[in-house]
């Protein structure tokens, strides 16, 4: 019985350890203090740089597609 309990606990820890590592990394990255420090760092970076570059927004980076212009049917109504 001892061998099978060893295999069972080995399988348990092989499954548990990566999940615990992922949870630890996620909480380390997304910790509120870490996010606050990252925001302060970005603020200092953008306000202290010599060349004032605008923060890129998605709307500026997205391609603009213009719909085709269809002549209005109301203009041509009644003309012969």
PDB file of N, CA and C in Angstrom:
ATOM      1  N   UNK A   1       0.813  -1.197   0.000  1.00  0.00           N
ATOM      2  CA  UNK A   1       0.000   0.000   0.000  1.00  0.00           C
ATOM      3  C   UNK A   1       0.855   1.258   0.000  1.00  0.00           C
ATOM      4  N   UNK A   2       2.028   1.169   0.585  1.00  0.00           N
ATOM      5  CA  UNK A   2       2.875   2.359   0.695  1.00  0.00           C
ATOM      6  C   UNK A   2       3.314   2.883  -0.657  1.00  0.00           C
ATOM      7  N   UNK A   3       3.582   1.959  -1.588  1.00  0.00           N
ATOM      8  CA  UNK A   3       4.037   2.383  -2.914  1.00  0.00           C
ATOM      9  C   UNK A   3       2.945   3.146  -3.644  1.00  0.00           C
ATOM     10  N   UNK A   4       1.700   2.654  -3.538  1.00  0.00           N
ATOM     11  CA  UNK A   4       0.605   3.301  -4.256  1.00  0.00           C
ATOM     12  C   UNK A   4       0.250   4.652  -3.645  1.00  0.00           C
ATOM     13  N   UNK A   5       0.395   4.777  -2.329  1.00  0.00           N
ATOM     14  CA  UNK A   5       0.147   6.092  -1.730  1.00  0.00           C
ATOM     15  C   UNK A   5       1.247   7.067  -2.143  1.00  0.00           C
ATOM     16  N   UNK A   6       2.485   6.555  -2.317  1.00  0.00           N
ATOM     17  CA  UNK A   6       3.571   7.406  -2.801  1.00  0.00           C
ATOM     18  C   UNK A   6       3.275   7.890  -4.220  1.00  0.00           C
ATOM     19  N   UNK A   7       2.825   6.986  -5.089  1.00  0.00           N
ATOM     20  CA  UNK A   7       2.473   7.360  -6.464  1.00  0.00           C
ATOM     21  C   UNK A   7       1.312   8.355  -6.458  1.00  0.00           C
ATOM     22  N   UNK A   8       0.329   8.113  -5.592  1.00  0.00           N
ATOM     23  CA  UNK A   8      -0.812   9.026  -5.505  1.00  0.00           C
ATOM     24  C   UNK A   8      -0.401  10.412  -5.054  1.00  0.00           C
ATOM     25  N   UNK A   9       0.453  10.482  -4.038  1.00  0.00           N
ATOM     26  CA  UNK A   9       0.895  11.800  -3.569  1.00  0.00           C
ATOM     27  C   UNK A   9       1.804  12.460  -4.600  1.00  0.00           C
ATOM     28  N   UNK A  10       2.583  11.665  -5.335  1.00  0.00           N
ATOM     29  CA  UNK A  10       3.429  12.224  -6.387  1.00  0.00           C
ATOM     30  C   UNK A  10       2.577  12.840  -7.491  1.00  0.00           C
ATOM     31  N   UNK A  11       1.539  12.130  -7.906  1.00  0.00           N
ATOM     32  CA  UNK A  11       0.630  12.667  -8.927  1.00  0.00           C
ATOM     33  C   UNK A  11      -0.067  13.922  -8.403  1.00  0.00           C
ATOM     34  N   UNK A  12      -0.465  13.888  -7.129  1.00  0.00           N
ATOM     35  CA  UNK A  12      -1.137  15.045  -6.521  1.00  0.00           C
ATOM     36  C   UNK A  12      -0.225  16.274  -6.552  1.00  0.00           C
ATOM     37  N   UNK A  13       1.028  16.108  -6.173  1.00  0.00           N
ATOM     38  CA  UNK A  13       1.936  17.256  -6.150  1.00  0.00           C
ATOM     39  C   UNK A  13       2.365  17.681  -7.551  1.00  0.00           C
ATOM     40  N   UNK A  14       2.407  16.732  -8.494  1.00  0.00           N
ATOM     41  CA  UNK A  14       2.710  17.118  -9.873  1.00  0.00           C
ATOM     42  C   UNK A  14       1.593  17.977 -10.465  1.00  0.00           C
ATOM     43  N   UNK A  15       0.358  17.746 -10.017  1.00  0.00           N
ATOM     44  CA  UNK A  15      -0.759  18.570 -10.486  1.00  0.00           C
ATOM     45  C   UNK A  15      -0.830  19.868  -9.685  1.00  0.00           C
ATOM     46  N   UNK A  16      -0.600  19.791  -8.380  1.00  0.00           N
ATOM     47  CA  UNK A  16      -0.767  20.954  -7.511  1.00  0.00           C
ATOM     48  C   UNK A  16       0.343  21.984  -7.707  1.00  0.00           C
ATOM     49  N   UNK A  17       1.577  21.566  -7.889  1.00  0.00           N
ATOM     50  CA  UNK A  17       2.708  22.492  -7.938  1.00  0.00           C
ATOM     51  C   UNK A  17       2.609  23.488  -9.093  1.00  0.00           C
ATOM     52  N   UNK A  18       2.337  23.064 -10.346  1.00  0.00           N
ATOM     53  CA  UNK A  18       2.220  24.074 -11.413  1.00  0.00           C
ATOM     54  C   UNK A  18       1.070  25.048 -11.173  1.00  0.00           C
ATOM     55  N   UNK A  19      -0.040  24.545 -10.614  1.00  0.00           N
ATOM     56  CA  UNK A  19      -1.161  25.440 -10.335  1.00  0.00           C
ATOM     57  C   UNK A  19      -0.790  26.463  -9.270  1.00  0.00           C
ATOM     58  N   UNK A  20      -0.058  26.029  -8.257  1.00  0.00           N
ATOM     59  CA  UNK A  20       0.384  26.960  -7.220  1.00  0.00           C
ATOM     60  C   UNK A  20       1.382  27.969  -7.772  1.00  0.00           C
ATOM     61  N   UNK A  21       2.279  27.526  -8.649  1.00  0.00           N
ATOM     62  CA  UNK A  21       3.238  28.451  -9.254  1.00  0.00           C
ATOM     63  C   UNK A  21       2.539  29.485 -10.129  1.00  0.00           C
ATOM     64  N   UNK A  22       1.571  29.040 -10.916  1.00  0.00           N
ATOM     65  CA  UNK A  22       0.823  29.971 -11.768  1.00  0.00           C
ATOM     66  C   UNK A  22       0.058  30.960 -10.903  1.00  0.00           C
ATOM     67  N   UNK A  23      -0.578  30.478  -9.848  1.00  0.00           N
ATOM     68  CA  UNK A  23      -1.322  31.371  -8.952  1.00  0.00           C
ATOM     69  C   UNK A  23      -0.387  32.387  -8.302  1.00  0.00           C
ATOM     70  N   UNK A  24       0.803  31.955  -7.895  1.00  0.00           N
ATOM     71  CA  UNK A  24       1.772  32.846  -7.268  1.00  0.00           C
ATOM     72  C   UNK A  24       2.240  33.920  -8.242  1.00  0.00           C
ATOM     73  N   UNK A  25       2.508  33.533  -9.489  1.00  0.00           N
ATOM     74  CA  UNK A  25       2.961  34.501 -10.495  1.00  0.00           C
ATOM     75  C   UNK A  25       1.852  35.490 -10.823  1.00  0.00           C
ATOM     76  N   UNK A  26       0.623  34.998 -10.963  1.00  0.00           N
ATOM     77  CA  UNK A  26      -0.498  35.893 -11.283  1.00  0.00           C
ATOM     78  C   UNK A  26      -0.733  36.885 -10.153  1.00  0.00           C
ATOM     79  N   UNK A  27      -0.703  36.418  -8.914  1.00  0.00           N
ATOM     80  CA  UNK A  27      -0.906  37.351  -7.803  1.00  0.00           C
ATOM     81  C   UNK A  27       0.266  38.306  -7.661  1.00  0.00           C
ATOM     82  N   UNK A  28       1.455  37.872  -8.027  1.00  0.00           N
ATOM     83  CA  UNK A  28       2.614  38.760  -7.965  1.00  0.00           C
ATOM     84  C   UNK A  28       2.512  39.855  -9.017  1.00  0.00           C
ATOM     85  N   UNK A  29       2.090  39.485 -10.221  1.00  0.00           N
ATOM     86  CA  UNK A  29       2.002  40.464 -11.305  1.00  0.00           C
ATOM     87  C   UNK A  29       0.829  41.406 -11.088  1.00  0.00           C
ATOM     88  N   UNK A  30      -0.326  40.868 -10.731  1.00  0.00           N
ATOM     89  CA  UNK A  30      -1.535  41.676 -10.640  1.00  0.00           C
ATOM     90  C   UNK A  30      -1.840  42.133  -9.218  1.00  0.00           C
ATOM     91  N   UNK A  31      -0.844  42.221  -8.393  1.00  0.00           N
ATOM     92  CA  UNK A  31      -1.031  42.730  -7.045  1.00  0.00           C
ATOM     93  C   UNK A  31      -1.323  44.228  -7.125  1.00  0.00           C
ATOM     94  N   UNK A  32      -2.229  44.749  -6.321  1.00  0.00           N
ATOM     95  CA  UNK A  32      -2.590  46.174  -6.419  1.00  0.00           C
ATOM     96  C   UNK A  32      -1.416  47.128  -6.250  1.00  0.00           C
ATOM     97  N   UNK A  33      -0.481  46.809  -5.359  1.00  0.00           N
ATOM     98  CA  UNK A  33       0.672  47.685  -5.178  1.00  0.00           C
ATOM     99  C   UNK A  33       1.535  47.672  -6.435  1.00  0.00           C
ATOM    100  N   UNK A  34       1.679  46.505  -7.052  1.00  0.00           N
ATOM    101  CA  UNK A  34       2.457  46.412  -8.287  1.00  0.00           C
ATOM    102  C   UNK A  34       1.811  47.233  -9.390  1.00  0.00           C
ATOM    103  N   UNK A  35       0.481  47.159  -9.508  1.00  0.00           N
ATOM    104  CA  UNK A  35      -0.210  47.967 -10.513  1.00  0.00           C
ATOM    105  C   UNK A  35      -0.051  49.449 -10.231  1.00  0.00           C
ATOM    106  N   UNK A  36      -0.108  49.844  -8.970  1.00  0.00           N
ATOM    107  CA  UNK A  36       0.059  51.249  -8.613  1.00  0.00           C
ATOM    108  C   UNK A  36       1.460  51.733  -8.963  1.00  0.00           C
ATOM    109  N   UNK A  37       2.466  50.935  -8.665  1.00  0.00           N
ATOM    110  CA  UNK A  37       3.845  51.300  -9.008  1.00  0.00           C
ATOM    111  C   UNK A  37       4.009  51.393 -10.518  1.00  0.00           C
ATOM    112  N   UNK A  38       3.385  50.483 -11.263  1.00  0.00           N
ATOM    113  CA  UNK A  38       3.476  50.529 -12.727  1.00  0.00           C
ATOM    114  C   UNK A  38       2.815  51.788 -13.273  1.00  0.00           C
ATOM    115  N   UNK A  39       1.665  52.170 -12.736  1.00  0.00           N
ATOM    116  CA  UNK A  39       0.998  53.390 -13.197  1.00  0.00           C
ATOM    117  C   UNK A  39       1.809  54.635 -12.861  1.00  0.00           C
ATOM    118  N   UNK A  40       2.396  54.687 -11.684  1.00  0.00           N
ATOM    119  CA  UNK A  40       3.235  55.833 -11.308  1.00  0.00           C
ATOM    120  C   UNK A  40       4.460  55.901 -12.206  1.00  0.00           C
ATOM    121  N   UNK A  41       5.048  54.750 -12.507  1.00  0.00           N
ATOM    122  CA  UNK A  41       6.217  54.716 -13.393  1.00  0.00           C
ATOM    123  C   UNK A  41       5.862  55.208 -14.785  1.00  0.00           C
ATOM    124  N   UNK A  42       4.726  54.763 -15.319  1.00  0.00           N
ATOM    125  CA  UNK A  42       4.300  55.244 -16.636  1.00  0.00           C
ATOM    126  C   UNK A  42       4.024  56.738 -16.619  1.00  0.00           C
ATOM    127  N   UNK A  43       3.415  57.244 -15.549  1.00  0.00           N
ATOM    128  CA  UNK A  43       3.136  58.677 -15.445  1.00  0.00           C
ATOM    129  C   UNK A  43       4.434  59.475 -15.435  1.00  0.00           C
ATOM    130  N   UNK A  44       5.403  59.029 -14.647  1.00  0.00           N
ATOM    131  CA  UNK A  44       6.692  59.732 -14.587  1.00  0.00           C
ATOM    132  C   UNK A  44       7.394  59.657 -15.931  1.00  0.00           C
ATOM    133  N   UNK A  45       7.323  58.513 -16.597  1.00  0.00           N
ATOM    134  CA  UNK A  45       7.973  58.361 -17.902  1.00  0.00           C
ATOM    135  C   UNK A  45       7.382  59.323 -18.927  1.00  0.00           C
ATOM    136  N   UNK A  46       6.049  59.411 -18.983  1.00  0.00           N
ATOM    137  CA  UNK A  46       5.419  60.251 -19.997  1.00  0.00           C
ATOM    138  C   UNK A  46       5.505  61.736 -19.664  1.00  0.00           C
ATOM    139  N   UNK A  47       5.623  62.105 -18.407  1.00  0.00           N
ATOM    140  CA  UNK A  47       5.694  63.526 -18.070  1.00  0.00           C
ATOM    141  C   UNK A  47       7.116  64.051 -18.036  1.00  0.00           C
ATOM    142  N   UNK A  48       8.105  63.198 -17.860  1.00  0.00           N
ATOM    143  CA  UNK A  48       9.477  63.687 -17.745  1.00  0.00           C
ATOM    144  C   UNK A  48      10.278  63.553 -19.033  1.00  0.00           C
ATOM    145  N   UNK A  49       9.734  62.950 -20.061  1.00  0.00           N
ATOM    146  CA  UNK A  49      10.500  62.802 -21.299  1.00  0.00           C
ATOM    147  C   UNK A  49      10.624  64.156 -21.990  1.00  0.00           C
ATOM    148  N   UNK A  50      11.743  64.363 -22.688  1.00  0.00           N
ATOM    149  CA  UNK A  50      11.993  65.649 -23.337  1.00  0.00           C
ATOM    150  C   UNK A  50      11.058  65.870 -24.513  1.00  0.00           C
ATOM    151  N   UNK A  51      10.834  64.840 -25.301  1.00  0.00           N
ATOM    152  CA  UNK A  51       9.877  64.981 -26.395  1.00  0.00           C
ATOM    153  C   UNK A  51       8.528  64.490 -25.912  1.00  0.00           C
ATOM    154  N   UNK A  52       7.557  65.350 -26.032  1.00  0.00           N
ATOM    155  CA  UNK A  52       6.226  65.008 -25.545  1.00  0.00           C
ATOM    156  C   UNK A  52       5.526  64.163 -26.598  1.00  0.00           C
ATOM    157  N   UNK A  53       5.453  62.884 -26.342  1.00  0.00           N
ATOM    158  CA  UNK A  53       4.773  61.996 -27.275  1.00  0.00           C
ATOM    159  C   UNK A  53       3.394  61.686 -26.725  1.00  0.00           C
ATOM    160  N   UNK A  54       2.436  61.678 -27.614  1.00  0.00           N
ATOM    161  CA  UNK A  54       1.079  61.395 -27.196  1.00  0.00           C
ATOM    162  C   UNK A  54       0.940  59.902 -26.914  1.00  0.00           C
ATOM    163  N   UNK A  55       0.146  59.574 -25.933  1.00  0.00           N
ATOM    164  CA  UNK A  55      -0.083  58.172 -25.615  1.00  0.00           C
ATOM    165  C   UNK A  55      -0.921  57.575 -26.738  1.00  0.00           C
ATOM    166  N   UNK A  56      -0.456  56.511 -27.371  1.00  0.00           N
ATOM    167  CA  UNK A  56      -1.219  55.956 -28.494  1.00  0.00           C
ATOM    168  C   UNK A  56      -2.523  55.321 -28.023  1.00  0.00           C
ATOM    169  N   UNK A  57      -3.573  55.641 -28.710  1.00  0.00           N
ATOM    170  CA  UNK A  57      -4.872  55.046 -28.414  1.00  0.00           C
ATOM    171  C   UNK A  57      -5.229  54.077 -29.529  1.00  0.00           C
ATOM    172  N   UNK A  58      -6.092  53.162 -29.228  1.00  0.00           N
ATOM    173  CA  UNK A  58      -6.484  52.145 -30.199  1.00  0.00           C
ATOM    174  C   UNK A  58      -7.168  52.789 -31.400  1.00  0.00           C
ATOM    175  N   UNK A  59      -7.943  53.839 -31.165  1.00  0.00           N
ATOM    176  CA  UNK A  59      -8.656  54.472 -32.273  1.00  0.00           C
ATOM    177  C   UNK A  59      -7.697  55.100 -33.272  1.00  0.00           C
ATOM    178  N   UNK A  60      -6.518  55.524 -32.804  1.00  0.00           N
ATOM    179  CA  UNK A  60      -5.531  56.093 -33.724  1.00  0.00           C
ATOM    180  C   UNK A  60      -4.805  54.997 -34.501  1.00  0.00           C
ATOM    181  N   UNK A  61      -4.689  53.831 -33.903  1.00  0.00           N
ATOM    182  CA  UNK A  61      -3.945  52.751 -34.542  1.00  0.00           C
ATOM    183  C   UNK A  61      -4.818  51.892 -35.448  1.00  0.00           C
ATOM    184  N   UNK A  62      -6.125  51.954 -35.243  1.00  0.00           N
ATOM    185  CA  UNK A  62      -7.021  51.096 -36.009  1.00  0.00           C
ATOM    186  C   UNK A  62      -7.185  51.633 -37.425  1.00  0.00           C
ATOM    187  N   UNK A  63      -7.271  50.764 -38.418  1.00  0.00           N
ATOM    188  CA  UNK A  63      -7.498  51.234 -39.788  1.00  0.00           C
ATOM    189  C   UNK A  63      -8.908  51.808 -39.933  1.00  0.00           C
ATOM    190  N   UNK A  64      -8.997  52.845 -40.729  1.00  0.00           N
ATOM    191  CA  UNK A  64     -10.284  53.503 -40.935  1.00  0.00           C
ATOM    192  C   UNK A  64     -10.849  53.025 -42.260  1.00  0.00           C
ATOM    193  N   UNK A  65     -12.037  52.482 -42.212  1.00  0.00           N
ATOM    194  CA  UNK A  65     -12.681  52.058 -43.456  1.00  0.00           C
ATOM    195  C   UNK A  65     -13.864  52.977 -43.709  1.00  0.00           C
ATOM    196  N   UNK A  66     -13.909  53.524 -44.894  1.00  0.00           N
ATOM    197  CA  UNK A  66     -15.003  54.419 -45.254  1.00  0.00           C
ATOM    198  C   UNK A  66     -16.004  53.635 -46.095  1.00  0.00           C
ATOM    199  N   UNK A  67     -17.266  53.693 -45.732  1.00  0.00           N
ATOM    200  CA  UNK A  67     -18.260  52.965 -46.523  1.00  0.00           C
ATOM    201  C   UNK A  67     -18.429  53.614 -47.892  1.00  0.00           C
ATOM    202  N   UNK A  68     -18.781  52.830 -48.902  1.00  0.00           N
ATOM    203  CA  UNK A  68     -18.959  53.415 -50.237  1.00  0.00           C
ATOM    204  C   UNK A  68     -20.138  54.386 -50.237  1.00  0.00           C
ATOM    205  N   UNK A  69     -19.950  55.478 -50.972  1.00  0.00           N
ATOM    206  CA  UNK A  69     -20.987  56.508 -51.045  1.00  0.00           C
ATOM    207  C   UNK A  69     -21.971  56.107 -52.134  1.00  0.00           C
ATOM    208  N   UNK A  70     -23.222  55.948 -51.735  1.00  0.00           N
ATOM    209  CA  UNK A  70     -24.284  55.577 -52.667  1.00  0.00           C
ATOM    210  C   UNK A  70     -25.118  56.824 -52.920  1.00  0.00           C
ATOM    211  N   UNK A  71     -25.349  57.156 -54.199  1.00  0.00           N
ATOM    212  CA  UNK A  71     -26.164  58.351 -54.454  1.00  0.00           C
ATOM    213  C   UNK A  71     -27.569  58.168 -53.895  1.00  0.00           C
ATOM    214  N   UNK A  72     -28.087  59.245 -53.370  1.00  0.00           N
ATOM    215  CA  UNK A  72     -29.397  59.188 -52.735  1.00  0.00           C
ATOM    216  C   UNK A  72     -30.486  58.995 -53.778  1.00  0.00           C
ATOM    217  N   UNK A  73     -31.443  58.133 -53.460  1.00  0.00           N
ATOM    218  CA  UNK A  73     -32.557  57.891 -54.379  1.00  0.00           C
ATOM    219  C   UNK A  73     -33.525  59.064 -54.362  1.00  0.00           C
ATOM    220  N   UNK A  74     -33.517  59.855 -53.293  1.00  0.00           N
ATOM    221  CA  UNK A  74     -34.445  60.983 -53.188  1.00  0.00           C
ATOM    222  C   UNK A  74     -34.085  62.088 -54.179  1.00  0.00           C
ATOM    223  N   UNK A  75     -32.805  62.223 -54.531  1.00  0.00           N
ATOM    224  CA  UNK A  75     -32.395  63.272 -55.473  1.00  0.00           C
ATOM    225  C   UNK A  75     -32.923  62.980 -56.876  1.00  0.00           C
ATOM    226  N   UNK A  76     -32.971  61.723 -57.228  1.00  0.00           N
ATOM    227  CA  UNK A  76     -33.335  61.356 -58.594  1.00  0.00           C
ATOM    228  C   UNK A  76     -34.838  61.133 -58.762  1.00  0.00           C
ATOM    229  N   UNK A  77     -35.586  61.243 -57.705  1.00  0.00           N
ATOM    230  CA  UNK A  77     -37.024  60.994 -57.789  1.00  0.00           C
ATOM    231  C   UNK A  77     -37.707  62.149 -58.540  1.00  0.00           C
ATOM    232  N   UNK A  78     -38.488  61.800 -59.515  1.00  0.00           N
ATOM    233  CA  UNK A  78     -39.243  62.804 -60.261  1.00  0.00           C
ATOM    234  C   UNK A  78     -38.520  63.346 -61.472  1.00  0.00           C
ATOM    235  N   UNK A  79     -37.244  63.047 -61.656  1.00  0.00           N
ATOM    236  CA  UNK A  79     -36.506  63.550 -62.824  1.00  0.00           C
ATOM    237  C   UNK A  79     -36.694  62.588 -63.984  1.00  0.00           C
ATOM    238  N   UNK A  80     -36.786  63.157 -65.177  1.00  0.00           N
ATOM    239  CA  UNK A  80     -36.923  62.320 -66.374  1.00  0.00           C
ATOM    240  C   UNK A  80     -35.846  62.641 -67.369  1.00  0.00           C
TER     241      UNK A  80
END
